[in-house]
Protein backbone atom coordinates (compact mmCIF):
# COMPACT_ATOMS: atom_id res chain seq x y z
CA MET A 1 -12.70 14.29 -4.52
CA GLU A 2 -13.73 12.64 -7.74
CA LEU A 3 -14.46 8.98 -7.00
CA ARG A 4 -13.16 6.07 -8.90
CA GLN A 5 -14.44 2.53 -9.43
CA LEU A 6 -12.50 -0.21 -7.58
CA GLY A 7 -11.89 -2.78 -10.34
CA THR A 8 -15.21 -4.26 -11.58
CA THR A 9 -16.81 -4.21 -8.00
CA GLY A 10 -18.96 -1.13 -8.67
CA VAL A 11 -17.61 0.24 -5.39
CA LYS A 12 -16.52 3.96 -5.63
CA VAL A 13 -13.50 5.03 -3.75
CA SER A 14 -11.46 8.21 -3.49
CA PRO A 15 -8.19 8.57 -5.46
CA LEU A 16 -6.34 8.86 -2.24
CA CYS A 17 -6.64 6.07 0.26
CA LEU A 18 -5.74 6.81 3.92
CA GLY A 19 -3.10 4.23 5.02
CA ALA A 20 -3.06 3.59 8.76
CA MET A 21 0.37 2.00 9.15
CA MET A 22 1.75 5.05 10.99
CA PHE A 23 -1.02 5.04 13.67
CA GLY A 24 0.23 3.23 16.77
CA ALA A 25 3.60 2.18 17.98
CA TRP A 26 5.19 2.20 14.51
CA GLY A 27 4.49 5.95 14.22
CA ASN A 28 2.03 8.20 16.05
CA THR A 29 1.49 6.71 19.53
CA ASP A 30 -1.13 9.40 20.44
CA HIS A 31 -4.48 7.70 19.72
CA GLU A 32 -6.53 10.88 19.92
CA ASP A 33 -4.27 12.68 17.53
CA SER A 34 -4.43 9.72 15.11
CA VAL A 35 -8.26 9.81 15.32
CA ARG A 36 -8.11 13.51 14.54
CA ILE A 37 -6.08 12.85 11.42
CA ILE A 38 -8.60 10.20 10.32
CA ASP A 39 -11.42 12.66 10.86
CA ARG A 40 -9.71 15.28 8.90
CA ALA A 41 -9.15 12.89 5.93
CA LEU A 42 -12.83 11.84 5.88
CA ASP A 43 -13.87 15.54 5.98
CA ALA A 44 -11.55 16.21 2.97
CA GLY A 45 -13.41 13.60 0.91
CA ILE A 46 -11.38 10.45 1.45
CA ASN A 47 -13.71 7.49 1.93
CA PHE A 48 -11.18 4.73 1.69
CA ILE A 49 -9.16 3.53 4.67
CA ASP A 50 -6.35 0.76 4.54
CA THR A 51 -4.73 -0.94 7.50
CA ALA A 52 -3.46 -4.38 8.46
CA ASP A 53 -3.37 -6.66 11.43
CA VAL A 54 0.32 -6.63 11.67
CA TYR A 55 0.62 -2.79 11.80
CA SER A 56 1.69 -2.31 15.48
CA ARG A 57 0.44 -5.75 16.22
CA GLY A 58 -3.19 -4.76 15.96
CA GLU A 59 -2.99 -1.24 17.45
CA SER A 60 -3.52 0.46 14.11
CA GLU A 61 -6.77 -1.45 13.62
CA GLU A 62 -7.89 -0.53 17.11
CA ILE A 63 -7.33 3.22 16.37
CA VAL A 64 -9.11 2.98 13.11
CA GLY A 65 -12.03 1.19 14.83
CA LYS A 66 -12.23 3.91 17.47
CA ALA A 67 -12.25 6.71 14.72
CA LEU A 68 -15.11 5.08 12.84
CA GLN A 69 -17.56 4.99 15.77
CA GLY A 70 -20.64 7.21 15.86
CA GLY A 71 -22.06 6.30 12.40
CA LYS A 72 -18.85 7.01 10.33
CA ARG A 73 -18.38 3.35 9.50
CA ASP A 74 -21.20 2.98 7.04
CA ASN A 75 -19.78 5.54 4.54
CA VAL A 76 -16.16 4.23 4.61
CA ILE A 77 -14.64 1.53 2.42
CA LEU A 78 -12.52 -0.24 5.08
CA ALA A 79 -9.69 -2.46 4.11
CA THR A 80 -7.30 -4.58 6.13
CA LYS A 81 -4.84 -7.37 5.63
CA VAL A 82 -3.74 -10.71 6.97
CA HIS A 83 -0.50 -12.74 6.68
CA GLY A 84 2.12 -11.12 8.98
CA THR A 85 3.32 -12.66 12.32
CA MET A 86 1.00 -11.78 15.20
CA GLY A 87 2.43 -14.01 17.97
CA ASP A 88 5.03 -16.45 19.12
CA ASP A 89 3.13 -19.56 17.88
CA PRO A 90 4.38 -20.53 14.41
CA ASN A 91 0.85 -20.83 13.18
CA GLU A 92 -0.09 -17.26 14.12
CA PHE A 93 1.08 -16.16 10.72
CA GLY A 94 0.49 -16.90 7.01
CA ASN A 95 -2.09 -17.55 4.42
CA SER A 96 -3.54 -20.88 5.80
CA ARG A 97 -7.30 -21.41 6.29
CA ARG A 98 -6.59 -22.02 9.91
CA TRP A 99 -5.06 -18.73 10.50
CA ILE A 100 -7.27 -16.63 8.17
CA VAL A 101 -10.46 -17.87 9.75
CA ARG A 102 -9.05 -17.10 13.27
CA GLU A 103 -7.42 -13.79 12.47
CA VAL A 104 -10.33 -12.19 10.67
CA GLU A 105 -12.29 -12.46 13.99
CA ASN A 106 -9.49 -10.57 15.76
CA SER A 107 -9.52 -7.85 13.12
CA LEU A 108 -13.28 -7.49 13.28
CA ARG A 109 -13.04 -7.09 17.01
CA ARG A 110 -10.26 -4.51 16.82
CA LEU A 111 -12.00 -2.57 14.10
CA LYS A 112 -15.27 -2.64 16.01
CA THR A 113 -17.20 -3.67 12.90
CA ASP A 114 -19.37 -6.55 11.62
CA TRP A 115 -17.73 -6.62 8.16
CA ILE A 116 -14.59 -5.77 6.28
CA ASP A 117 -15.08 -4.31 2.85
CA LEU A 118 -11.72 -5.47 1.43
CA TYR A 119 -9.71 -8.27 3.14
CA GLN A 120 -6.29 -8.61 1.53
CA ILE A 121 -3.56 -11.28 1.72
CA HIS A 122 -0.56 -9.16 2.67
CA ARG A 123 2.14 -11.18 0.97
CA PRO A 124 2.32 -14.40 -1.14
CA GLU A 125 3.38 -17.58 0.54
CA PHE A 126 4.81 -20.63 -1.16
CA ASP A 127 4.07 -23.00 1.58
CA THR A 128 0.32 -22.68 1.26
CA ASP A 129 -1.84 -23.75 -1.67
CA ILE A 130 -3.50 -20.70 -3.08
CA ASP A 131 -6.75 -22.74 -3.35
CA ASP A 132 -6.72 -23.27 0.48
CA THR A 133 -6.38 -19.50 0.85
CA LEU A 134 -9.01 -18.56 -1.65
CA GLY A 135 -11.37 -21.23 -0.17
CA ALA A 136 -11.14 -19.69 3.26
CA LEU A 137 -11.65 -16.13 1.87
CA SER A 138 -14.69 -17.27 -0.08
CA ASP A 139 -16.27 -18.72 3.02
CA LEU A 140 -15.74 -15.45 4.72
CA ILE A 141 -17.51 -13.60 1.92
CA HIS A 142 -20.38 -16.04 1.99
CA ALA A 143 -20.67 -15.65 5.72
CA GLY A 144 -21.02 -11.86 5.31
CA LYS A 145 -17.87 -11.05 7.28
CA VAL A 146 -15.95 -9.84 4.24
CA ARG A 147 -17.31 -8.15 1.04
CA TYR A 148 -14.31 -8.45 -1.27
CA VAL A 149 -10.87 -9.92 -1.29
CA GLY A 150 -7.57 -8.75 -2.68
CA SER A 151 -3.77 -9.38 -2.76
CA SER A 152 -0.82 -7.21 -1.78
CA THR A 153 2.69 -7.32 -3.26
CA PHE A 154 2.07 -10.36 -5.40
CA PRO A 155 4.27 -10.96 -8.45
CA ALA A 156 2.38 -11.09 -11.79
CA SER A 157 2.57 -14.93 -12.01
CA ARG A 158 0.88 -15.31 -8.57
CA ILE A 159 -1.85 -12.85 -9.58
CA VAL A 160 -2.55 -14.88 -12.67
CA GLU A 161 -2.45 -18.17 -10.75
CA ALA A 162 -4.94 -16.87 -8.21
CA GLN A 163 -7.37 -15.75 -10.94
CA TRP A 164 -7.01 -19.09 -12.66
CA VAL A 165 -7.61 -21.04 -9.45
CA ALA A 166 -10.60 -18.94 -8.65
CA GLU A 167 -12.24 -19.72 -11.97
CA LYS A 168 -11.24 -23.42 -12.02
CA ARG A 169 -12.38 -24.17 -8.45
CA GLY A 170 -15.31 -21.73 -8.24
CA ARG A 171 -13.68 -19.48 -5.65
CA GLU A 172 -14.18 -15.82 -5.02
CA ARG A 173 -11.48 -13.93 -6.86
CA PHE A 174 -9.11 -11.18 -5.97
CA VAL A 175 -10.59 -7.92 -7.03
CA CYS A 176 -7.52 -5.72 -6.55
CA GLU A 177 -3.79 -5.84 -6.00
CA GLN A 178 -1.86 -3.56 -3.63
CA PRO A 179 1.84 -3.18 -4.99
CA PRO A 180 4.65 -0.79 -4.13
CA TYR A 181 4.68 2.00 -6.76
CA SER A 182 6.34 5.39 -6.93
CA ILE A 183 8.55 7.30 -9.34
CA LEU A 184 11.55 5.54 -7.69
CA ILE A 185 9.86 2.13 -7.85
CA ARG A 186 8.47 1.55 -11.31
CA SER A 187 9.04 -2.13 -11.83
CA ILE A 188 5.27 -2.90 -11.66
CA GLU A 189 4.82 -1.12 -14.96
CA ASN A 190 6.41 -4.04 -16.73
CA ASP A 191 3.89 -6.71 -15.90
CA ILE A 192 1.76 -6.23 -12.75
CA LEU A 193 -0.13 -3.15 -13.94
CA PRO A 194 -0.95 -4.62 -17.39
CA THR A 195 -1.94 -8.00 -15.78
CA CYS A 196 -4.32 -6.21 -13.37
CA GLN A 197 -5.87 -4.27 -16.28
CA ARG A 198 -6.41 -7.51 -18.21
CA TYR A 199 -8.24 -9.06 -15.29
CA GLY A 200 -10.25 -5.98 -14.42
CA MET A 201 -8.54 -5.65 -11.06
CA GLY A 202 -8.25 -2.39 -9.10
CA VAL A 203 -4.75 -1.28 -8.06
CA ILE A 204 -4.07 0.60 -4.81
CA PRO A 205 -0.33 1.23 -4.64
CA TRP A 206 1.47 1.60 -1.30
CA SER A 207 4.39 3.87 -0.56
CA PRO A 208 3.79 6.39 -3.35
CA LEU A 209 6.35 8.65 -1.67
CA ALA A 210 8.92 5.84 -1.60
CA GLY A 211 9.11 5.58 2.14
CA GLY A 212 9.61 9.42 2.46
CA TRP A 213 12.28 9.66 -0.25
CA LEU A 214 9.82 11.80 -2.29
CA SER A 215 8.72 14.02 0.61
CA GLY A 216 11.14 16.82 -0.34
CA LYS A 217 13.64 16.53 2.57
CA TRP A 218 15.98 14.12 0.65
CA ARG A 219 18.23 16.63 -1.14
CA LEU A 220 21.89 16.49 -2.11
CA ASP A 221 22.58 19.56 -0.08
CA ALA A 222 20.50 18.59 3.01
CA PRO A 223 22.35 18.47 6.35
CA GLU A 224 23.10 14.97 7.52
CA ASP A 225 20.93 15.09 10.62
CA GLN A 226 17.88 15.99 8.44
CA LEU A 227 18.22 12.68 6.64
CA LYS A 228 17.97 10.62 9.76
CA SER A 229 14.64 9.29 11.13
CA ARG A 230 13.22 6.44 13.18
CA ARG A 231 12.39 4.67 9.98
CA SER A 232 15.83 5.05 8.52
CA ALA A 233 17.29 3.65 11.67
CA MET A 234 14.95 0.66 11.51
CA ILE A 235 15.44 -0.15 7.84
CA ALA A 236 19.07 0.72 7.03
CA SER A 237 19.08 -1.17 3.68
CA ARG A 238 16.55 1.41 2.38
CA TYR A 239 18.13 4.50 3.76
CA ASP A 240 21.91 4.08 4.47
CA LEU A 241 23.61 6.38 1.98
CA SER A 242 26.74 4.26 1.95
CA ILE A 243 24.71 1.80 -0.08
CA PRO A 244 25.01 2.64 -3.75
CA GLY A 245 21.29 2.11 -4.47
CA ASN A 246 20.31 4.62 -1.76
CA GLN A 247 22.84 7.17 -3.10
CA ARG A 248 21.19 6.81 -6.53
CA LYS A 249 17.82 7.36 -4.85
CA LEU A 250 19.17 10.59 -3.35
CA GLU A 251 20.35 11.84 -6.55
CA ALA A 252 17.06 11.01 -8.29
CA ALA A 253 15.03 12.53 -5.45
CA ASP A 254 17.04 15.80 -5.79
CA ALA A 255 16.51 15.94 -9.60
CA LEU A 256 12.76 15.22 -9.06
CA ALA A 257 12.44 18.06 -6.47
CA LYS A 258 13.95 20.42 -8.87
CA LEU A 259 11.57 19.34 -11.55
CA ALA A 260 8.60 19.79 -9.18
CA ASP A 261 9.77 23.31 -8.48
CA GLU A 262 9.88 24.10 -12.23
CA ALA A 263 6.34 22.65 -12.57
CA GLY A 264 5.08 24.92 -9.79
CA MET A 265 4.14 22.14 -7.33
CA THR A 266 5.63 20.42 -4.39
CA LEU A 267 7.46 17.13 -4.84
CA ILE A 268 4.79 15.42 -2.74
CA GLU A 269 2.06 16.64 -5.15
CA MET A 270 4.11 15.54 -8.20
CA ALA A 271 4.86 12.13 -6.72
CA LEU A 272 1.23 11.29 -5.74
CA ALA A 273 -0.16 12.77 -9.03
CA PHE A 274 2.31 10.58 -10.96
CA VAL A 275 0.95 7.45 -9.35
CA ILE A 276 -2.78 8.16 -9.63
CA ARG A 277 -2.30 9.31 -13.29
CA HIS A 278 -1.58 5.82 -14.48
CA PRO A 279 -4.66 4.34 -16.06
CA ALA A 280 -4.40 1.11 -14.09
CA VAL A 281 -4.26 2.78 -10.73
CA THR A 282 -7.47 3.12 -8.63
CA ALA A 283 -6.11 4.98 -5.55
CA ALA A 284 -2.72 5.75 -4.07
CA ILE A 285 -2.27 4.93 -0.32
CA ILE A 286 -0.91 7.85 1.67
CA GLY A 287 0.43 7.18 5.15
CA PRO A 288 0.63 10.35 7.26
CA ARG A 289 1.92 10.27 10.77
CA THR A 290 0.98 13.82 11.63
CA MET A 291 -1.69 16.29 10.59
CA GLU A 292 1.00 18.32 8.71
CA HIS A 293 1.79 15.18 6.62
CA LEU A 294 -1.82 14.79 5.73
CA GLU A 295 -2.43 18.36 4.73
CA SER A 296 0.65 18.30 2.48
CA GLN A 297 -0.66 15.26 0.64
CA LEU A 298 -4.45 16.05 0.27
CA THR A 299 -3.81 18.71 -2.48
CA ALA A 300 -2.29 16.01 -4.78
CA ALA A 301 -5.77 14.76 -5.71
CA ASP A 302 -6.21 17.86 -7.78
CA ALA A 303 -2.62 18.16 -9.14
CA LYS A 304 -2.25 17.72 -12.94
CA LEU A 305 0.95 16.54 -14.71
CA SER A 306 1.62 17.69 -18.24
CA ASP A 307 3.04 15.27 -20.80
CA GLU A 308 6.21 17.35 -20.68
CA VAL A 309 6.63 16.78 -17.03
CA LEU A 310 5.95 13.10 -17.37
CA ASP A 311 8.62 12.88 -20.04
CA LYS A 312 11.15 14.53 -17.87
CA ILE A 313 10.19 12.13 -14.98
CA ASP A 314 10.95 9.24 -17.36
CA GLU A 315 14.33 10.66 -18.09
CA ILE A 316 15.21 10.72 -14.37
CA VAL A 317 13.79 7.28 -13.64
CA PRO A 318 13.04 5.25 -16.83
CA PRO A 319 9.74 3.34 -17.03
CA GLY A 320 9.71 -0.13 -15.61
CA THR A 321 12.84 0.43 -13.45
CA VAL A 322 13.52 0.41 -9.69
CA VAL A 323 16.38 2.43 -8.32
CA ASN A 324 17.01 0.13 -5.25
CA GLN A 325 15.82 -3.43 -5.41
CA ASP A 326 15.31 -3.53 -1.54
CA ASP A 327 12.36 -1.18 -1.99
CA THR A 328 10.14 -3.71 -3.80
CA GLY A 329 8.66 -5.16 -0.64
CA TRP A 330 9.04 -8.78 -1.48
CA ILE A 331 12.12 -10.71 -2.61
CA ASN A 332 11.34 -13.93 -4.67
CA PRO A 333 12.55 -16.91 -2.55
CA ALA A 334 13.37 -18.69 -5.77
CA LEU A 335 16.33 -16.37 -5.91
CA ASP A 336 17.71 -17.59 -2.57
CA ALA A 337 21.02 -19.43 -2.89
CA ALA A 338 19.54 -22.64 -1.54
CA ALA A 339 16.81 -22.53 -4.36
CA ARG A 340 19.45 -21.90 -7.02
CA ARG A 341 22.17 -24.38 -6.11
CA ARG A 342 22.13 -28.14 -5.33
């Protein structure tokens, strides 16, 4: 695969990043099979792996750590994240210095490594001063435990605030953002992607297949049992077809599948190629649960979309729009009723 530069770091990464969320209790519970999938991805030219402490409560990190033994670690750009709840104690969560400094040690242990290439704050948090967060992350970089730091699913205003605080207070800055982005979730084209470009930040979108909606199985004529899965049962707001937004997703996915057929490629290839085609995007995070899933996605690195196909995609889902707001990964708490009414 042709490597790309991650922001202004000088680090070269593959245009497909192997996401490890589905390795462990949330997806593939067979550790050895998960390791084989990771090995296949590395053999195919992927040198970028992304996980998080919260994925299956650390199990995903443990699987990745197991897979990278035997000398493989040195040639992999390894990313993980902190923020999600990891225990019953109310302080085992969040973006505070206290939790970050403690949890990074747990991630290092689970990953069986002495350093993390990219340590990301998984979600913004209004209760914690961003300077406290950046101060802790800066200390981890200076201690050699972390090479770079980034954010995930931050709104544009928070991205700008973090850059400003880093410059004002002399902190290490976020070098990349990890937002949700797919043909069905295009809201980041409005401000997040341009903001990242202005600050020279890399962008590594998650869910480029829109949580499976762009896998090819979501079609108007598909049997009802085909549209059921473990994930759809867990997150009904994103899959229940009685919800108007999800019905619109089904209609859009069906139209996009027909367009991919006309273009001579699979919908998976078209969806991934669409994301990595954007000039602001560094790498798209793929999240296979099985070897079959991985093989179906690897070919997207070489897929090319013509301007005609891109124009037709824009007709189905206009630029800057999102079909179902529940897919954005983060809802601004300022929109809660308690924040809007006295």
